[in-house]
Amino acid sequence: MEITKYFDGIFVSSDEGCKKPDLKFFRKLIDSCKIVPERAVMVGNDGICDVEGAKNAGL
């Protein structure tokens, strides 16, 4: 779909050696991209793994 140019990065939990909602994954995102968690939005397709995991990480 050629949309990757619109993102600063794309992270896949399995590439990071964990599985969402593991906080390790979200901390990697936060640290790597210098994210301010309360100013970030998680885009995902799973209410538990993506949304709850992001909420637990402060996003």
N, C-alpha and C. Protein backbone atom coordinates (compact mmCIF):
# COMPACT_ATOMS: atom_id res chain seq x y z
N MET A 1 0.82 -1.20 0.00
CA MET A 1 0.00 0.00 0.00
C MET A 1 0.85 1.25 0.00
N GLU A 2 2.15 1.09 0.11
CA GLU A 2 3.08 2.22 0.05
C GLU A 2 2.79 3.30 1.09
N ILE A 3 2.47 2.90 2.31
CA ILE A 3 2.19 3.87 3.36
C ILE A 3 3.33 4.02 4.36
N THR A 4 4.36 3.20 4.23
CA THR A 4 5.45 3.24 5.21
C THR A 4 6.13 4.61 5.26
N LYS A 5 6.07 5.37 4.19
CA LYS A 5 6.69 6.69 4.19
C LYS A 5 6.03 7.65 5.16
N TYR A 6 4.83 7.32 5.62
CA TYR A 6 4.09 8.17 6.54
C TYR A 6 4.38 7.87 8.01
N PHE A 7 5.24 6.90 8.26
CA PHE A 7 5.54 6.47 9.62
C PHE A 7 7.02 6.67 9.93
N ASP A 8 7.31 7.01 11.18
CA ASP A 8 8.70 7.12 11.61
C ASP A 8 9.33 5.75 11.82
N GLY A 9 8.52 4.76 12.05
CA GLY A 9 8.99 3.40 12.23
C GLY A 9 7.82 2.45 12.39
N ILE A 10 8.08 1.20 12.10
CA ILE A 10 7.08 0.16 12.29
C ILE A 10 7.72 -0.91 13.13
N PHE A 11 7.09 -1.23 14.24
CA PHE A 11 7.62 -2.21 15.17
C PHE A 11 6.68 -3.41 15.23
N VAL A 12 7.26 -4.59 15.22
CA VAL A 12 6.50 -5.84 15.31
C VAL A 12 7.00 -6.57 16.55
N SER A 13 6.08 -6.92 17.44
CA SER A 13 6.50 -7.50 18.72
C SER A 13 7.36 -8.74 18.55
N SER A 14 7.02 -9.60 17.60
CA SER A 14 7.82 -10.82 17.41
C SER A 14 9.25 -10.48 16.97
N ASP A 15 9.43 -9.38 16.28
CA ASP A 15 10.78 -8.94 15.91
C ASP A 15 11.57 -8.49 17.14
N GLU A 16 10.85 -8.10 18.19
CA GLU A 16 11.48 -7.62 19.42
C GLU A 16 11.63 -8.75 20.46
N GLY A 17 11.26 -9.96 20.08
CA GLY A 17 11.43 -11.11 20.96
C GLY A 17 10.41 -11.20 22.08
N CYS A 18 9.24 -10.62 21.88
CA CYS A 18 8.19 -10.69 22.90
C CYS A 18 6.84 -10.70 22.21
N LYS A 19 5.81 -10.75 23.00
CA LYS A 19 4.46 -10.76 22.47
C LYS A 19 3.61 -9.75 23.23
N LYS A 20 2.92 -8.89 22.51
CA LYS A 20 2.03 -7.94 23.16
C LYS A 20 0.97 -8.70 23.93
N PRO A 21 0.58 -8.24 25.06
CA PRO A 21 0.73 -6.92 25.67
C PRO A 21 1.95 -6.77 26.57
N ASP A 22 2.99 -7.55 26.37
CA ASP A 22 4.22 -7.44 27.16
C ASP A 22 4.72 -5.99 27.15
N LEU A 23 4.92 -5.42 28.33
CA LEU A 23 5.39 -4.04 28.43
C LEU A 23 6.76 -3.84 27.81
N LYS A 24 7.55 -4.91 27.69
CA LYS A 24 8.88 -4.82 27.06
C LYS A 24 8.75 -4.24 25.65
N PHE A 25 7.73 -4.68 24.94
CA PHE A 25 7.52 -4.18 23.58
C PHE A 25 7.23 -2.69 23.57
N PHE A 26 6.33 -2.27 24.42
CA PHE A 26 5.95 -0.85 24.45
C PHE A 26 7.09 0.02 24.96
N ARG A 27 7.85 -0.47 25.90
CA ARG A 27 9.02 0.28 26.39
C ARG A 27 10.06 0.45 25.29
N LYS A 28 10.22 -0.57 24.46
CA LYS A 28 11.15 -0.49 23.32
C LYS A 28 10.71 0.63 22.38
N LEU A 29 9.42 0.71 22.10
CA LEU A 29 8.89 1.78 21.25
C LEU A 29 9.15 3.15 21.87
N ILE A 30 8.80 3.26 23.14
CA ILE A 30 8.94 4.52 23.85
C ILE A 30 10.38 5.00 23.86
N ASP A 31 11.28 4.08 24.17
CA ASP A 31 12.71 4.44 24.24
C ASP A 31 13.31 4.71 22.86
N SER A 32 13.02 3.84 21.90
CA SER A 32 13.62 3.97 20.56
C SER A 32 13.18 5.23 19.84
N CYS A 33 11.93 5.60 20.02
CA CYS A 33 11.39 6.76 19.29
C CYS A 33 11.29 8.01 20.15
N LYS A 34 11.78 7.92 21.39
CA LYS A 34 11.72 9.05 22.31
C LYS A 34 10.29 9.58 22.42
N ILE A 35 9.37 8.65 22.66
CA ILE A 35 7.95 8.96 22.74
C ILE A 35 7.59 9.49 24.12
N VAL A 36 6.76 10.49 24.15
CA VAL A 36 6.13 10.94 25.39
C VAL A 36 4.83 10.14 25.46
N PRO A 37 4.77 9.14 26.33
CA PRO A 37 3.63 8.21 26.31
C PRO A 37 2.26 8.86 26.33
N GLU A 38 2.08 9.89 27.15
CA GLU A 38 0.76 10.49 27.23
C GLU A 38 0.39 11.33 26.01
N ARG A 39 1.31 11.47 25.07
CA ARG A 39 1.03 12.20 23.82
C ARG A 39 0.99 11.27 22.61
N ALA A 40 1.02 9.95 22.88
CA ALA A 40 1.09 8.97 21.80
C ALA A 40 -0.22 8.23 21.63
N VAL A 41 -0.42 7.70 20.44
CA VAL A 41 -1.59 6.91 20.11
C VAL A 41 -1.12 5.57 19.56
N MET A 42 -1.69 4.49 20.06
CA MET A 42 -1.39 3.15 19.55
C MET A 42 -2.42 2.79 18.49
N VAL A 43 -1.96 2.36 17.34
CA VAL A 43 -2.84 1.89 16.28
C VAL A 43 -2.70 0.38 16.24
N GLY A 44 -3.80 -0.31 16.44
CA GLY A 44 -3.74 -1.77 16.44
C GLY A 44 -5.09 -2.37 16.11
N ASN A 45 -5.11 -3.68 16.08
CA ASN A 45 -6.36 -4.36 15.71
C ASN A 45 -6.86 -5.32 16.78
N ASP A 46 -6.25 -5.29 17.96
CA ASP A 46 -6.66 -6.20 19.02
C ASP A 46 -6.87 -5.42 20.31
N GLY A 47 -8.06 -5.55 20.87
CA GLY A 47 -8.41 -4.78 22.06
C GLY A 47 -7.60 -5.12 23.28
N ILE A 48 -7.15 -6.34 23.41
CA ILE A 48 -6.36 -6.75 24.57
C ILE A 48 -4.87 -6.49 24.32
N CYS A 49 -4.34 -7.14 23.31
CA CYS A 49 -2.90 -7.06 23.06
C CYS A 49 -2.44 -5.64 22.72
N ASP A 50 -3.17 -4.98 21.86
CA ASP A 50 -2.77 -3.66 21.41
C ASP A 50 -3.25 -2.55 22.34
N VAL A 51 -4.55 -2.48 22.53
CA VAL A 51 -5.12 -1.36 23.28
C VAL A 51 -4.81 -1.43 24.77
N GLU A 52 -5.08 -2.55 25.39
CA GLU A 52 -4.79 -2.67 26.83
C GLU A 52 -3.29 -2.60 27.10
N GLY A 53 -2.49 -3.21 26.22
CA GLY A 53 -1.04 -3.13 26.38
C GLY A 53 -0.55 -1.70 26.32
N ALA A 54 -1.08 -0.93 25.37
CA ALA A 54 -0.71 0.48 25.24
C ALA A 54 -1.14 1.28 26.46
N LYS A 55 -2.36 1.03 26.94
CA LYS A 55 -2.84 1.73 28.13
C LYS A 55 -1.95 1.43 29.33
N ASN A 56 -1.57 0.17 29.49
CA ASN A 56 -0.71 -0.22 30.61
C ASN A 56 0.67 0.43 30.52
N ALA A 57 1.10 0.78 29.31
CA ALA A 57 2.38 1.44 29.12
C ALA A 57 2.25 2.96 29.22
N GLY A 58 1.04 3.45 29.44
CA GLY A 58 0.84 4.88 29.60
C GLY A 58 0.53 5.62 28.33
N LEU A 59 0.35 4.91 27.22
CA LEU A 59 0.02 5.56 25.95
C LEU A 59 -1.46 5.90 25.91
